[in-house]
């Protein structure tokens, strides 16, 4: 669900595709993910599904040590 206002500054939130860096096991990958982004302060908010997927990718990277 799209938040109405940024929890940090109160700015407008829009949904957009962003690049997100995931680090793990000495490796770094950059992924395109959907995020809610504040038009004022650029704070990013991620859905629970996105966070779970990013955590899974990080765990996979760490397993390749």
N, C-alpha and C. Protein backbone atom coordinates (compact mmCIF):
# COMPACT_ATOMS: atom_id res chain seq x y z
N UNK A 1 0.84 -1.18 0.00
CA UNK A 1 0.00 0.00 0.00
C UNK A 1 0.88 1.24 0.00
N UNK A 2 0.57 2.18 -0.83
CA UNK A 2 1.34 3.40 -1.00
C UNK A 2 1.09 4.36 0.16
N UNK A 3 2.16 4.73 0.89
CA UNK A 3 1.97 5.72 1.95
C UNK A 3 1.60 7.08 1.34
N UNK A 4 0.83 7.87 2.05
CA UNK A 4 0.40 9.16 1.53
C UNK A 4 1.49 10.22 1.64
N UNK A 5 2.26 10.17 2.73
CA UNK A 5 3.30 11.17 2.95
C UNK A 5 4.56 10.50 3.48
N UNK A 6 5.69 11.13 3.23
CA UNK A 6 6.97 10.63 3.71
C UNK A 6 6.99 10.68 5.24
N UNK A 7 7.41 9.59 5.89
CA UNK A 7 7.46 9.58 7.35
C UNK A 7 8.56 10.48 7.91
N UNK A 8 9.54 10.87 7.08
CA UNK A 8 10.62 11.71 7.57
C UNK A 8 10.34 13.20 7.43
N UNK A 9 9.85 13.61 6.23
CA UNK A 9 9.70 15.04 5.98
C UNK A 9 8.27 15.47 5.63
N UNK A 10 7.39 14.50 5.41
CA UNK A 10 6.02 14.83 5.06
C UNK A 10 5.80 15.10 3.58
N UNK A 11 6.84 14.90 2.76
CA UNK A 11 6.74 15.14 1.32
C UNK A 11 5.89 14.10 0.61
N UNK A 12 5.60 14.36 -0.65
CA UNK A 12 4.79 13.44 -1.46
C UNK A 12 5.60 12.20 -1.81
N UNK A 13 4.92 11.05 -1.80
CA UNK A 13 5.54 9.77 -2.13
C UNK A 13 5.05 9.33 -3.51
N UNK A 14 5.99 8.89 -4.35
CA UNK A 14 5.63 8.32 -5.65
C UNK A 14 6.27 6.94 -5.77
N UNK A 15 5.64 6.07 -6.55
CA UNK A 15 6.21 4.75 -6.79
C UNK A 15 7.04 4.82 -8.06
N UNK A 16 8.25 4.27 -7.99
CA UNK A 16 9.11 4.25 -9.18
C UNK A 16 10.12 3.12 -9.08
N UNK A 17 10.75 2.83 -10.21
CA UNK A 17 11.80 1.81 -10.25
C UNK A 17 13.12 2.48 -9.91
N UNK A 18 13.87 1.85 -8.98
CA UNK A 18 15.15 2.41 -8.55
C UNK A 18 16.22 1.32 -8.61
N UNK A 19 17.47 1.75 -8.63
CA UNK A 19 18.59 0.83 -8.51
C UNK A 19 18.89 0.65 -7.03
N UNK A 20 19.02 -0.59 -6.60
CA UNK A 20 19.30 -0.88 -5.19
C UNK A 20 20.52 -1.79 -5.12
N UNK A 21 21.51 -1.40 -4.33
CA UNK A 21 22.75 -2.15 -4.19
C UNK A 21 22.60 -3.14 -3.04
N UNK A 22 22.95 -4.41 -3.31
CA UNK A 22 22.93 -5.46 -2.29
C UNK A 22 24.35 -5.98 -2.13
N UNK A 23 24.85 -5.98 -0.89
CA UNK A 23 26.20 -6.45 -0.60
C UNK A 23 26.12 -7.70 0.26
N UNK A 24 27.01 -8.64 -0.03
CA UNK A 24 27.06 -9.86 0.78
C UNK A 24 28.21 -10.73 0.34
N UNK A 25 28.94 -11.30 1.28
CA UNK A 25 30.03 -12.21 0.97
C UNK A 25 31.13 -11.58 0.13
N UNK A 26 31.35 -10.28 0.32
CA UNK A 26 32.37 -9.59 -0.45
C UNK A 26 31.97 -9.28 -1.88
N UNK A 27 30.72 -9.52 -2.21
CA UNK A 27 30.22 -9.26 -3.55
C UNK A 27 29.16 -8.15 -3.49
N UNK A 28 28.95 -7.49 -4.62
CA UNK A 28 27.94 -6.43 -4.73
C UNK A 28 27.16 -6.64 -6.02
N UNK A 29 25.84 -6.57 -5.93
CA UNK A 29 24.99 -6.61 -7.12
C UNK A 29 24.07 -5.39 -7.07
N UNK A 30 23.73 -4.89 -8.23
CA UNK A 30 22.80 -3.78 -8.34
C UNK A 30 21.55 -4.29 -9.03
N UNK A 31 20.42 -4.11 -8.37
CA UNK A 31 19.15 -4.62 -8.87
C UNK A 31 18.17 -3.47 -9.10
N UNK A 32 17.29 -3.64 -10.06
CA UNK A 32 16.20 -2.69 -10.26
C UNK A 32 15.00 -3.20 -9.49
N UNK A 33 14.48 -2.38 -8.57
CA UNK A 33 13.32 -2.76 -7.76
C UNK A 33 12.33 -1.60 -7.70
N UNK A 34 11.08 -1.92 -7.41
CA UNK A 34 10.06 -0.90 -7.21
C UNK A 34 10.18 -0.38 -5.79
N UNK A 35 10.08 0.92 -5.63
CA UNK A 35 10.15 1.54 -4.30
C UNK A 35 9.23 2.74 -4.27
N UNK A 36 8.88 3.14 -3.06
CA UNK A 36 8.14 4.38 -2.85
C UNK A 36 9.18 5.43 -2.49
N UNK A 37 9.25 6.50 -3.27
CA UNK A 37 10.30 7.49 -3.12
C UNK A 37 9.70 8.86 -2.83
N UNK A 38 10.26 9.54 -1.83
CA UNK A 38 9.80 10.88 -1.48
C UNK A 38 10.33 11.87 -2.52
N UNK A 39 9.44 12.73 -3.01
CA UNK A 39 9.85 13.74 -4.00
C UNK A 39 10.62 14.89 -3.36
N UNK A 40 10.60 14.98 -2.03
CA UNK A 40 11.30 16.07 -1.33
C UNK A 40 12.69 15.66 -0.84
N UNK A 41 12.76 14.57 -0.07
CA UNK A 41 14.04 14.19 0.55
C UNK A 41 14.65 12.92 -0.06
N UNK A 42 13.96 12.28 -1.00
CA UNK A 42 14.44 11.08 -1.70
C UNK A 42 14.50 9.84 -0.82
N UNK A 43 13.88 9.88 0.36
CA UNK A 43 13.80 8.68 1.21
C UNK A 43 13.10 7.58 0.42
N UNK A 44 13.63 6.35 0.54
CA UNK A 44 13.04 5.20 -0.15
C UNK A 44 12.36 4.28 0.85
N UNK A 45 11.17 3.84 0.49
CA UNK A 45 10.43 2.86 1.28
C UNK A 45 10.17 1.67 0.38
N UNK A 46 10.34 0.46 0.93
CA UNK A 46 10.18 -0.76 0.14
C UNK A 46 9.04 -1.60 0.69
N UNK A 47 8.36 -2.31 -0.19
CA UNK A 47 7.29 -3.21 0.24
C UNK A 47 7.92 -4.38 0.98
N UNK A 48 7.11 -5.06 1.78
CA UNK A 48 7.58 -6.22 2.53
C UNK A 48 8.08 -7.31 1.58
N UNK A 49 7.39 -7.51 0.46
CA UNK A 49 7.83 -8.50 -0.53
C UNK A 49 9.20 -8.16 -1.08
N UNK A 50 9.43 -6.88 -1.39
CA UNK A 50 10.73 -6.45 -1.92
C UNK A 50 11.82 -6.68 -0.89
N UNK A 51 11.56 -6.34 0.36
CA UNK A 51 12.55 -6.52 1.42
C UNK A 51 12.91 -8.00 1.57
N UNK A 52 11.92 -8.86 1.54
CA UNK A 52 12.17 -10.31 1.66
C UNK A 52 13.03 -10.81 0.51
N UNK A 53 12.74 -10.34 -0.71
CA UNK A 53 13.54 -10.76 -1.87
C UNK A 53 14.97 -10.25 -1.77
N UNK A 54 15.15 -9.01 -1.33
CA UNK A 54 16.49 -8.45 -1.18
C UNK A 54 17.27 -9.19 -0.10
N UNK A 55 16.62 -9.55 0.99
CA UNK A 55 17.29 -10.31 2.05
C UNK A 55 17.69 -11.70 1.56
N UNK A 56 16.84 -12.32 0.74
CA UNK A 56 17.16 -13.64 0.20
C UNK A 56 18.38 -13.56 -0.72
N UNK A 57 18.44 -12.53 -1.55
CA UNK A 57 19.58 -12.34 -2.45
C UNK A 57 20.85 -12.11 -1.65
N UNK A 58 20.75 -11.31 -0.59
CA UNK A 58 21.92 -11.06 0.26
C UNK A 58 22.41 -12.36 0.89
N UNK A 59 21.50 -13.18 1.37
CA UNK A 59 21.87 -14.47 1.97
C UNK A 59 22.55 -15.38 0.94
N UNK A 60 22.05 -15.36 -0.29
CA UNK A 60 22.69 -16.16 -1.35
C UNK A 60 24.09 -15.67 -1.64
N UNK A 61 24.28 -14.35 -1.68
CA UNK A 61 25.62 -13.81 -1.90
C UNK A 61 26.57 -14.22 -0.79
N UNK A 62 26.08 -14.18 0.45
CA UNK A 62 26.93 -14.53 1.60
C UNK A 62 27.28 -16.02 1.61
N UNK A 63 26.45 -16.85 1.00
CA UNK A 63 26.74 -18.29 0.98
C UNK A 63 27.84 -18.65 -0.02
N UNK A 64 28.22 -17.72 -0.89
CA UNK A 64 29.26 -17.99 -1.88
C UNK A 64 30.66 -17.63 -1.40
N UNK A 65 30.84 -17.40 -0.13
CA UNK A 65 32.16 -17.03 0.41
C UNK A 65 33.18 -18.08 0.14
